[in-house]
Protein backbone atom coordinates (compact mmCIF):
# COMPACT_ATOMS: atom_id res chain seq x y z
CA UNK A 1 -12.71 -4.04 25.61
CA UNK A 2 -14.72 -1.19 27.06
CA UNK A 3 -18.49 -1.54 26.98
CA UNK A 4 -18.79 1.92 25.38
CA UNK A 5 -16.44 1.02 22.53
CA UNK A 6 -18.17 -2.29 21.86
CA UNK A 7 -21.59 -0.64 21.90
CA UNK A 8 -20.40 2.03 19.47
CA UNK A 9 -18.95 -0.64 17.19
CA UNK A 10 -22.19 -2.64 17.25
CA UNK A 11 -24.14 0.50 16.35
CA UNK A 12 -21.78 1.14 13.44
CA UNK A 13 -22.28 -2.40 12.15
CA UNK A 14 -26.06 -2.03 12.41
CA UNK A 15 -25.93 1.21 10.37
CA UNK A 16 -23.87 -0.63 7.78
CA UNK A 17 -26.36 -3.50 7.61
CA UNK A 18 -29.29 -1.09 7.39
CA UNK A 19 -27.65 0.69 4.46
CA UNK A 20 -27.10 -2.68 2.76
CA UNK A 21 -30.79 -3.56 3.18
CA UNK A 22 -31.74 -0.15 1.71
CA UNK A 23 -29.95 -0.82 -1.58
CA UNK A 24 -32.51 -2.08 -4.11
CA UNK A 25 -32.43 -5.78 -4.87
CA UNK A 26 -30.20 -6.49 -7.84
CA UNK A 27 -28.42 -3.13 -7.59
CA UNK A 28 -24.63 -3.17 -7.11
CA UNK A 29 -23.24 -2.78 -3.59
CA UNK A 30 -20.38 -0.38 -2.94
CA UNK A 31 -18.89 1.63 -0.11
CA UNK A 32 -19.99 5.24 0.23
CA UNK A 33 -16.47 6.73 0.36
CA UNK A 34 -15.36 10.27 -0.34
CA UNK A 35 -11.66 9.44 -0.40
CA UNK A 36 -9.53 6.62 -1.76
CA UNK A 37 -5.92 5.58 -2.20
CA UNK A 38 -6.71 3.73 -5.44
CA UNK A 39 -5.45 4.97 -8.80
CA UNK A 40 -8.07 3.49 -11.07
CA UNK A 41 -11.46 4.80 -12.04
CA UNK A 42 -14.82 3.19 -11.48
CA UNK A 43 -18.11 3.44 -13.33
CA UNK A 44 -20.78 5.44 -11.42
CA UNK A 45 -23.90 3.45 -10.51
CA UNK A 46 -26.20 6.16 -9.17
CA UNK A 47 -27.03 3.88 -6.24
CA UNK A 48 -26.36 4.92 -2.61
CA UNK A 49 -23.40 3.16 -1.05
CA UNK A 50 -22.81 1.40 2.24
CA UNK A 51 -22.74 3.62 5.33
CA UNK A 52 -19.39 3.03 7.05
CA UNK A 53 -19.53 6.20 9.15
CA UNK A 54 -19.47 4.26 12.42
CA UNK A 55 -16.56 1.98 11.52
CA UNK A 56 -13.55 4.27 11.53
CA UNK A 57 -11.94 3.74 14.92
CA UNK A 58 -10.02 1.46 17.25
CA UNK A 59 -12.24 -0.69 19.46
CA UNK A 60 -9.50 -1.74 21.89
CA UNK A 61 -5.76 -2.23 22.38
CA UNK A 62 -4.53 -5.10 24.56
CA UNK A 63 -0.89 -4.29 25.42
CA UNK A 64 -0.42 -7.54 27.33
CA UNK A 65 -1.57 -9.74 24.47
CA UNK A 66 0.03 -7.44 21.88
CA UNK A 67 -3.19 -7.18 19.86
CA UNK A 68 -5.75 -4.61 18.79
CA UNK A 69 -9.36 -4.85 17.64
CA UNK A 70 -9.78 -2.32 14.86
CA UNK A 71 -12.70 -1.26 12.70
CA UNK A 72 -12.33 -1.75 8.97
CA UNK A 73 -12.40 1.92 7.99
CA UNK A 74 -9.88 3.01 10.64
CA UNK A 75 -6.92 4.79 9.08
CA UNK A 76 -3.41 3.77 9.98
CA UNK A 77 -2.89 7.31 11.27
CA UNK A 78 -5.60 6.80 13.89
CA UNK A 79 -4.49 3.22 14.56
CA UNK A 80 -0.89 4.24 15.26
CA UNK A 81 -2.08 7.10 17.48
CA UNK A 82 -3.89 4.48 19.59
CA UNK A 83 -1.09 1.90 19.78
CA UNK A 84 2.07 4.01 19.98
CA UNK A 85 1.38 5.29 23.54
CA UNK A 86 1.66 1.61 24.57
CA UNK A 87 5.03 1.31 22.80
CA UNK A 88 3.42 -0.80 20.06
CA UNK A 89 2.62 -0.53 16.35
CA UNK A 90 1.05 -2.82 13.76
CA UNK A 91 3.60 -5.24 12.29
CA UNK A 92 3.44 -3.42 8.96
CA UNK A 93 2.39 0.24 8.71
CA UNK A 94 1.82 1.26 5.06
CA UNK A 95 3.44 4.53 4.07
CA UNK A 96 0.38 6.77 3.74
CA UNK A 97 -1.61 8.00 6.72
CA UNK A 98 -5.11 7.62 5.25
CA UNK A 99 -4.79 4.01 4.11
CA UNK A 100 -7.35 2.06 6.13
CA UNK A 101 -6.68 -1.24 7.82
CA UNK A 102 -9.53 -2.89 5.92
CA UNK A 103 -8.19 -1.43 2.69
CA UNK A 104 -4.66 -2.71 3.33
CA UNK A 105 -6.02 -6.21 3.95
CA UNK A 106 -8.56 -6.50 1.15
CA UNK A 107 -5.98 -4.79 -1.06
CA UNK A 108 -2.28 -5.01 -0.29
CA UNK A 109 0.01 -2.89 1.86
CA UNK A 110 3.75 -2.97 2.28
CA UNK A 111 6.48 -1.14 4.17
CA UNK A 112 10.04 -1.38 5.41
CA UNK A 113 9.17 -4.09 7.98
CA UNK A 114 7.80 -6.38 5.25
CA UNK A 115 11.11 -8.20 4.81
CA UNK A 116 10.50 -9.77 8.24
CA UNK A 117 6.73 -9.30 8.83
CA UNK A 118 5.29 -9.84 5.35
CA UNK A 119 2.09 -8.03 4.34
CA UNK A 120 -0.62 -6.51 6.60
CA UNK A 121 -3.05 -9.41 6.17
CA UNK A 122 -0.48 -11.83 7.61
CA UNK A 123 -0.82 -10.27 11.07
CA UNK A 124 -4.63 -10.56 11.11
CA UNK A 125 -5.82 -13.10 13.70
CA UNK A 126 -9.53 -12.90 12.90
CA UNK A 127 -11.92 -10.57 11.15
CA UNK A 128 -15.60 -9.86 10.67
CA UNK A 129 -16.61 -9.50 7.03
CA UNK A 130 -19.83 -8.14 5.55
CA UNK A 131 -20.34 -10.42 2.56
CA UNK A 132 -22.16 -9.61 -0.64
CA UNK A 133 -25.19 -11.51 0.64
CA UNK A 134 -25.51 -9.11 3.59
CA UNK A 135 -24.21 -11.40 6.36
CA UNK A 136 -21.46 -10.46 8.80
CA UNK A 137 -19.23 -13.54 9.19
CA UNK A 138 -16.31 -13.97 11.57
CA UNK A 139 -13.44 -15.79 9.91
CA UNK A 140 -9.96 -16.96 10.89
CA UNK A 141 -7.19 -19.15 9.52
CA UNK A 142 -8.41 -22.51 10.81
CA UNK A 143 -11.96 -22.94 12.10
CA UNK A 144 -14.34 -20.24 10.93
CA UNK A 145 -14.64 -19.74 7.18
CA UNK A 146 -10.90 -20.22 6.55
CA UNK A 147 -11.48 -20.09 2.78
CA UNK A 148 -12.80 -16.53 3.13
CA UNK A 149 -9.96 -15.64 5.49
CA UNK A 150 -7.32 -16.76 2.98
CA UNK A 151 -9.22 -15.46 -0.05
CA UNK A 152 -9.97 -12.00 1.33
CA UNK A 153 -6.52 -10.41 0.72
CA UNK A 154 -6.34 -8.87 -2.76
CA UNK A 155 -10.11 -9.30 -3.25
CA UNK A 156 -10.64 -5.50 -3.22
CA UNK A 157 -14.16 -5.60 -1.85
CA UNK A 158 -15.41 -8.18 -4.37
CA UNK A 159 -16.07 -10.79 -1.66
CA UNK A 160 -17.04 -8.38 1.10
CA UNK A 161 -15.81 -5.64 3.43
CA UNK A 162 -14.08 -6.03 6.80
CA UNK A 163 -15.95 -4.44 9.69
CA UNK A 164 -13.55 -5.52 12.48
CA UNK A 165 -10.07 -7.02 12.46
CA UNK A 166 -8.02 -8.35 15.34
CA UNK A 167 -4.34 -7.82 14.53
CA UNK A 168 -0.97 -8.50 16.10
CA UNK A 169 1.19 -5.63 17.33
CA UNK A 170 4.93 -5.42 17.95
CA UNK A 171 7.02 -3.36 20.37
CA UNK A 172 8.91 -0.32 19.10
CA UNK A 173 11.30 2.19 20.59
CA UNK A 174 11.27 5.95 20.97
CA UNK A 175 13.24 6.49 17.78
CA UNK A 176 14.50 4.83 14.61
CA UNK A 177 18.20 5.21 13.87
CA UNK A 178 18.91 5.31 10.12
CA UNK A 179 21.85 4.55 7.87
CA UNK A 180 21.73 5.73 4.27
CA UNK A 181 24.02 3.41 2.31
CA UNK A 182 24.94 4.41 -1.24
CA UNK A 183 25.58 1.92 -4.06
CA UNK A 184 27.06 2.58 -7.47
CA UNK A 185 25.92 -0.76 -8.88
CA UNK A 186 22.49 -2.41 -8.82
CA UNK A 187 23.89 -5.91 -8.28
CA UNK A 188 25.72 -4.72 -5.18
CA UNK A 189 22.54 -3.07 -3.92
CA UNK A 190 20.51 -6.29 -4.27
CA UNK A 191 23.31 -8.37 -2.75
CA UNK A 192 23.11 -6.11 0.31
CA UNK A 193 19.34 -6.67 0.48
CA UNK A 194 19.97 -10.42 0.45
CA UNK A 195 22.56 -10.04 3.21
CA UNK A 196 20.17 -8.11 5.44
CA UNK A 197 17.37 -10.62 4.90
CA UNK A 198 19.72 -13.49 5.75
CA UNK A 199 21.55 -12.00 8.75
CA UNK A 200 19.08 -9.38 10.02
CA UNK A 201 22.13 -7.14 10.11
CA UNK A 202 24.42 -5.15 7.81
CA UNK A 203 28.05 -4.24 8.35
CA UNK A 204 27.86 -5.43 11.95
CA UNK A 205 24.72 -3.52 12.97
CA UNK A 206 21.24 -4.92 13.55
CA UNK A 207 18.51 -3.98 11.09
CA UNK A 208 14.76 -3.74 11.75
CA UNK A 209 13.56 -1.78 8.71
CA UNK A 210 14.75 -1.78 5.09
CA UNK A 211 13.72 0.16 2.01
CA UNK A 212 15.60 1.91 -0.76
CA UNK A 213 15.57 4.42 -3.60
CA UNK A 214 17.04 4.14 -7.09
CA UNK A 215 17.88 7.42 -8.81
CA UNK A 216 19.85 5.81 -11.64
CA UNK A 217 21.79 2.63 -12.38
CA UNK A 218 24.83 4.30 -10.83
CA UNK A 219 23.13 5.90 -7.81
CA UNK A 220 20.94 3.95 -5.44
CA UNK A 221 20.50 3.74 -1.67
CA UNK A 222 19.34 1.44 1.07
CA UNK A 223 17.80 3.07 4.12
CA UNK A 224 18.48 0.74 7.06
CA UNK A 225 16.55 1.41 10.25
CA UNK A 226 17.10 0.19 13.81
CA UNK A 227 14.61 0.59 16.66
CA UNK A 228 16.11 2.51 19.53
CA UNK A 229 15.37 4.12 22.87
CA UNK A 230 18.57 6.15 22.90
CA UNK A 231 18.17 9.79 23.96
CA UNK A 232 19.11 12.63 21.69
CA UNK A 233 17.76 14.98 19.01
CA UNK A 234 15.69 13.81 16.06
CA UNK A 235 15.27 15.21 12.55
CA UNK A 236 11.99 16.68 11.33
CA UNK A 237 10.88 16.19 7.71
CA UNK A 238 7.37 17.55 8.14
CA UNK A 239 8.35 21.14 7.33
CA UNK A 240 11.01 22.65 5.07
CA UNK A 241 13.18 19.54 4.71
CA UNK A 242 12.31 16.73 2.27
CA UNK A 243 13.10 13.19 3.37
CA UNK A 244 14.10 11.56 0.09
CA UNK A 245 16.57 14.35 -0.62
CA UNK A 246 18.20 13.79 2.76
CA UNK A 247 19.35 10.29 1.90
CA UNK A 248 21.51 11.32 -1.09
CA UNK A 249 25.27 11.60 -0.64
CA UNK A 250 28.55 10.70 -2.29
CA UNK A 251 30.58 9.42 0.65
CA UNK A 252 32.35 6.09 1.15
CA UNK A 253 30.55 5.45 4.45
CA UNK A 254 26.81 5.64 5.22
CA UNK A 255 25.31 8.89 6.40
CA UNK A 256 23.21 8.70 9.57
CA UNK A 257 19.99 10.20 10.82
CA UNK A 258 17.49 9.70 13.64
CA UNK A 259 13.72 10.16 13.52
CA UNK A 260 11.09 9.74 16.18
CA UNK A 261 9.19 6.50 15.59
CA UNK A 262 6.08 8.46 14.63
CA UNK A 263 7.96 10.60 12.11
CA UNK A 264 9.67 7.52 10.72
CA UNK A 265 6.34 5.80 10.07
CA UNK A 266 5.07 8.86 8.13
CA UNK A 267 8.39 9.95 6.58
CA UNK A 268 7.06 9.25 3.07
CA UNK A 269 3.60 10.70 3.64
CA UNK A 270 4.66 14.35 3.97
CA UNK A 271 5.76 14.56 0.34
CA UNK A 272 3.89 11.50 -0.97
CA UNK A 273 7.37 9.99 -1.36
CA UNK A 274 8.60 12.55 -3.94
CA UNK A 275 5.36 13.14 -5.85
CA UNK A 276 4.74 16.50 -4.15
CA UNK A 277 7.29 18.02 -6.53
CA UNK A 278 4.65 17.80 -9.30
CA UNK A 279 2.62 20.40 -7.39
CA UNK A 280 5.57 22.68 -6.62
CA UNK A 281 5.45 21.80 -2.92
CA UNK A 282 9.22 21.17 -2.79
CA UNK A 283 10.18 24.57 -4.21
CA UNK A 284 11.67 26.49 -1.26
CA UNK A 285 9.66 29.67 -1.87
CA UNK A 286 6.35 27.85 -2.21
CA UNK A 287 7.08 25.46 0.63
CA UNK A 288 7.52 28.34 3.05
CA UNK A 289 3.90 29.39 2.48
CA UNK A 290 2.42 25.93 1.85
CA UNK A 291 0.11 25.23 4.84
CA UNK A 292 1.68 22.61 7.06
CA UNK A 293 -1.62 20.73 7.27
CA UNK A 294 -1.44 20.28 3.48
CA UNK A 295 1.97 18.59 3.62
CA UNK A 296 0.44 15.12 3.49
CA UNK A 297 -0.55 12.59 0.88
CA UNK A 298 -4.30 13.12 1.26
CA UNK A 299 -3.93 16.77 0.17
CA UNK A 300 -1.94 15.81 -2.94
CA UNK A 301 -4.48 13.09 -3.71
CA UNK A 302 -7.23 15.72 -3.81
CA UNK A 303 -5.16 17.73 -6.28
CA UNK A 304 -4.74 14.63 -8.46
CA UNK A 305 -8.49 14.00 -8.36
CA UNK A 306 -9.11 17.62 -9.39
CA UNK A 307 -6.66 17.28 -12.28
CA UNK A 308 -8.33 14.09 -13.46
CA UNK A 309 -11.76 15.71 -13.33
CA UNK A 310 -10.72 18.88 -15.19
CA UNK A 311 -7.96 17.36 -17.36
CA UNK A 312 -5.65 20.24 -16.37
CA UNK A 313 -2.27 18.59 -17.02
CA UNK A 314 -3.11 17.34 -20.50
CA UNK A 315 -4.61 20.72 -21.45
CA UNK A 316 -1.35 22.39 -20.44
CA UNK A 317 0.69 19.85 -22.40
CA UNK A 318 -1.46 20.48 -25.48
CA UNK A 319 -0.91 24.25 -25.20
CA UNK A 320 2.82 23.59 -25.25
CA UNK A 321 2.51 21.40 -28.33
CA UNK A 322 3.25 18.22 -26.39
CA UNK A 323 1.39 14.91 -26.33
CA UNK A 324 -0.87 13.90 -23.47
CA UNK A 325 0.66 11.91 -20.61
CA UNK A 326 0.03 8.29 -19.65
CA UNK A 327 -0.20 7.70 -15.93
CA UNK A 328 2.23 5.00 -14.75
CA UNK A 329 1.46 4.44 -11.09
CA UNK A 330 2.35 0.89 -10.11
CA UNK A 331 3.87 -1.34 -7.45
CA UNK A 332 5.20 -4.72 -8.55
CA UNK A 333 6.85 -7.60 -6.70
CA UNK A 334 9.89 -9.09 -8.45
CA UNK A 335 11.87 -12.11 -7.17
CA UNK A 336 15.02 -10.78 -5.53
CA UNK A 337 17.28 -12.65 -7.97
CA UNK A 338 15.62 -10.95 -10.96
CA UNK A 339 15.20 -7.46 -9.51
CA UNK A 340 18.43 -5.99 -10.91
CA UNK A 341 17.40 -7.25 -14.36
CA UNK A 342 13.99 -5.60 -14.03
CA UNK A 343 15.50 -2.32 -12.82
CA UNK A 344 17.92 -2.16 -15.74
CA UNK A 345 15.07 -2.79 -18.18
CA UNK A 346 12.89 -0.18 -16.48
CA UNK A 347 15.58 2.51 -16.37
CA UNK A 348 16.28 1.89 -20.05
CA UNK A 349 12.67 1.75 -21.26
CA UNK A 350 10.54 3.92 -18.93
CA UNK A 351 11.54 7.57 -18.27
CA UNK A 352 10.59 7.65 -14.58
CA UNK A 353 12.80 8.24 -11.55
CA UNK A 354 13.25 7.89 -8.62
CA UNK A 355 12.08 4.32 -7.99
CA UNK A 356 11.18 2.95 -4.56
CA UNK A 357 12.36 -0.47 -3.37
CA UNK A 358 10.95 -2.50 -0.47
CA UNK A 359 12.08 -6.08 0.27
CA UNK A 360 9.36 -8.60 1.07
CA UNK A 361 9.01 -12.17 2.24
CA UNK A 362 5.93 -14.00 3.50
CA UNK A 363 6.06 -14.62 7.25
CA UNK A 364 5.38 -18.35 7.12
CA UNK A 365 4.27 -21.21 4.87
CA UNK A 366 0.69 -19.99 4.44
CA UNK A 367 -0.40 -19.06 0.93
CA UNK A 368 -3.02 -16.45 0.03
CA UNK A 369 -5.50 -17.44 -2.63
CA UNK A 370 -5.73 -14.30 -4.77
CA UNK A 371 -2.12 -13.11 -4.54
CA UNK A 372 -0.06 -16.30 -4.56
CA UNK A 373 3.43 -15.21 -3.61
CA UNK A 374 5.65 -18.23 -2.98
CA UNK A 375 6.49 -19.01 0.67
CA UNK A 376 10.24 -18.80 1.25
CA UNK A 377 10.80 -16.69 -1.89
CA UNK A 378 12.42 -13.30 -1.40
CA UNK A 379 10.88 -10.45 -3.41
CA UNK A 380 11.49 -6.76 -3.87
CA UNK A 381 8.55 -4.42 -4.28
CA UNK A 382 9.39 -1.86 -6.96
CA UNK A 383 7.25 1.28 -6.87
CA UNK A 384 7.10 3.97 -9.55
CA UNK A 385 4.56 6.76 -9.70
CA UNK A 386 4.60 9.32 -12.49
CA UNK A 387 3.58 9.84 -16.12
CA UNK A 388 5.17 9.29 -19.53
CA UNK A 389 4.32 10.84 -22.94
CA UNK A 390 1.56 9.04 -24.82
CA UNK A 391 2.60 7.45 -28.13
CA UNK A 392 -0.42 8.02 -30.40
CA UNK A 393 0.56 5.02 -32.54
CA UNK A 394 0.24 2.64 -29.58
CA UNK A 395 -2.86 1.30 -27.79
CA UNK A 396 -4.09 2.95 -24.60
CA UNK A 397 -1.88 2.15 -21.64
CA UNK A 398 1.07 1.08 -23.82
CA UNK A 399 3.73 1.72 -21.16
CA UNK A 400 1.73 -0.06 -18.48
CA UNK A 401 1.16 -3.03 -20.78
CA UNK A 402 4.89 -3.35 -21.42
CA UNK A 403 5.55 -3.26 -17.68
CA UNK A 404 2.95 -5.99 -17.10
CA UNK A 405 4.69 -8.15 -19.72
CA UNK A 406 8.11 -7.56 -18.16
CA UNK A 407 6.85 -8.41 -14.66
CA UNK A 408 5.22 -11.58 -15.99
CA UNK A 409 8.40 -12.65 -17.80
CA UNK A 410 10.42 -12.34 -14.57
CA UNK A 411 7.97 -14.33 -12.43
CA UNK A 412 6.65 -11.31 -10.56
CA UNK A 413 3.27 -9.99 -9.42
CA UNK A 414 1.58 -6.64 -9.78
CA UNK A 415 -0.62 -4.92 -7.19
CA UNK A 416 -4.12 -4.00 -8.37
CA UNK A 417 -4.59 -0.60 -6.71
CA UNK A 418 -3.96 1.11 -10.05
CA UNK A 419 -4.87 0.53 -13.68
CA UNK A 420 -4.42 -2.95 -15.13
CA UNK A 421 -4.64 -4.05 -18.76
CA UNK A 422 -4.49 -7.84 -18.63
CA UNK A 423 -6.72 -9.97 -20.83
CA UNK A 424 -9.05 -12.11 -18.74
CA UNK A 425 -7.16 -15.39 -19.15
CA UNK A 426 -3.84 -13.85 -18.09
CA UNK A 427 -5.45 -12.01 -15.20
CA UNK A 428 -6.97 -15.11 -13.63
CA UNK A 429 -3.72 -17.03 -14.07
CA UNK A 430 -2.06 -14.44 -11.81
CA UNK A 431 -4.85 -13.79 -9.33
CA UNK A 432 -6.31 -17.10 -8.14
CA UNK A 433 -8.68 -17.88 -10.98
CA UNK A 434 -8.87 -21.57 -10.03
CA UNK A 435 -10.38 -20.68 -6.65
CA UNK A 436 -12.15 -17.33 -7.09
CA UNK A 437 -15.43 -18.58 -8.71
CA UNK A 438 -16.15 -20.89 -5.77
CA UNK A 439 -15.45 -18.10 -3.26
CA UNK A 440 -17.70 -15.76 -5.20
CA UNK A 441 -20.58 -18.22 -5.28
CA UNK A 442 -20.23 -18.99 -1.59
CA UNK A 443 -19.99 -15.44 -0.24
CA UNK A 444 -21.69 -13.36 -2.94
CA UNK A 445 -24.15 -15.73 -4.61
CA UNK A 446 -26.27 -12.85 -5.90
CA UNK A 447 -23.22 -11.16 -7.44
CA UNK A 448 -24.09 -7.87 -5.73
CA UNK A 449 -20.39 -7.01 -5.70
CA UNK A 450 -18.42 -6.74 -8.96
CA UNK A 451 -15.99 -9.55 -9.67
CA UNK A 452 -12.27 -8.92 -9.36
CA UNK A 453 -11.50 -8.72 -13.09
CA UNK A 454 -14.42 -6.38 -13.71
CA UNK A 455 -13.28 -4.12 -10.86
CA UNK A 456 -9.52 -4.15 -11.42
CA UNK A 457 -9.41 -4.01 -15.23
CA UNK A 458 -12.79 -2.79 -16.49
CA UNK A 459 -13.37 -0.19 -13.77
CA UNK A 460 -16.68 -1.62 -12.55
C-alpha cells in the first residue's frame, strides 16, 4: 500500500468518526448519502448523517496476491477501473455501476459469476466496520469478531458500516465470448442451468458466466459467457443498440457475440436491464438525442426518484381513468428444482416481463447469519422490476405480498433492497432472528442504528 493512500484513508475514517461524535446522543445514526440503489423509502430524521466523503476509493491493489483493499463507499465502477488494468476483477461484479462494495456486502449483490463464486461477501477476507457504538472494529472469518463478520451480510447498516474491505480478485481476459441459447420450455432451460453448474460447460464449450432472460413460458434464453483473450472486433451496447434485445432469436443453434470485458460487466447498466424503456430511452428517435452520459442506471434512478417525489406516473394514470400502479421491484432466490414452478406461477399471476435469471450457489460450507442460504443448494435468482395496477379492494402491496407467500412456499429467500411486507414473526424466521438480538446488543448496545425489521419493513 502506498503511504499516501493509507494516509488519505485514515483521514477519511477520522472524518467519519468525527461526524459520528457530532450526532446528538440518542439520535439515530445514518449515512449522509445523496444516492442509493435501494427501492424502499425511509423516514426522515432531521439529524445530520455520517460523513463518508473520504471513503469512496481503492486503497491498493495487490496483483501478486490477487487482492484489493477497498473503501466501503467505493463504487464497483471505480473498483473495476482500478483492477482491470492488472487483468483482474472482483469475483462478483454486481450489474449496476454505482453499487458500492460496502453496500453489496451489507446488502446483497449477485451477477453471472455467482454460480461459481457465490455472493460478494464470500470473497471478503477481512473488513473494518464502524459499529453503532462508534468503534471501528476489524473482523474476519476466524479470529477477530467472527460473529460480526458472518452477521454483517444482509444487515443493511443495522450493525454498522464497512470502512475498508480486503477482497479476493480473479483473472479475466480481454473479452467475453457469448452464446445466446434459446429455449421453448422452462424445464429445459433449468435443466441446462443444472448442466452448466455440474460440468462448468455446455454443449462442449467451457462456461465462466451464466445468466438468462424469460420473455414468456415459450421464449427464454441463457447467456453463456467465456473469458477470452482472442483478438477480433467487439460489440458496443452503450449507444444505439440495446443489449437485451440482441439476445433474442428464433434459430436452432445459439447466436454469438463478443464484448470487451469492461462492456460485459456493465452490459445491463446502460439500459438498467430493460427498465430504460419506461423513460422512452429505447425509442430510436429519442435515443439518438439522449446524452450518452445519461445512458446509465444512475440517471434512470434519478428519474425514478423524481417521479416518486412528484407522483407523476400515478397522476398520468388517473388522467387516463386508470388505477394507480403498485411497484413490484424484487429479486428472490428460488431452489433450482422449484424455479420452473415459480416462473409458471409468476407468468400466470403477475403481468411483468421480461424476467432476469441468475444461478447462484454458495462457494463453500460457510453459512451467513442473516441470509441463511443452504450450502450445497443450487438456487436461481429471479429478478423482476416494474409495476402492476393497484386493486383497490386489496391491502397495500397486494402483489408483493402474494410474491412473498409464493417464495416462502417454495423454500426461497427474498432480498431486502426493496419493499417488504412480512409480519415480524415471519420476517425473523427468514432473516436470522435467533441470532440477530445478540449481535445487536454486542455491536449497537445503544440502538443508535435501526433494527433490521424496522429498516426493511417499516422504513425506519
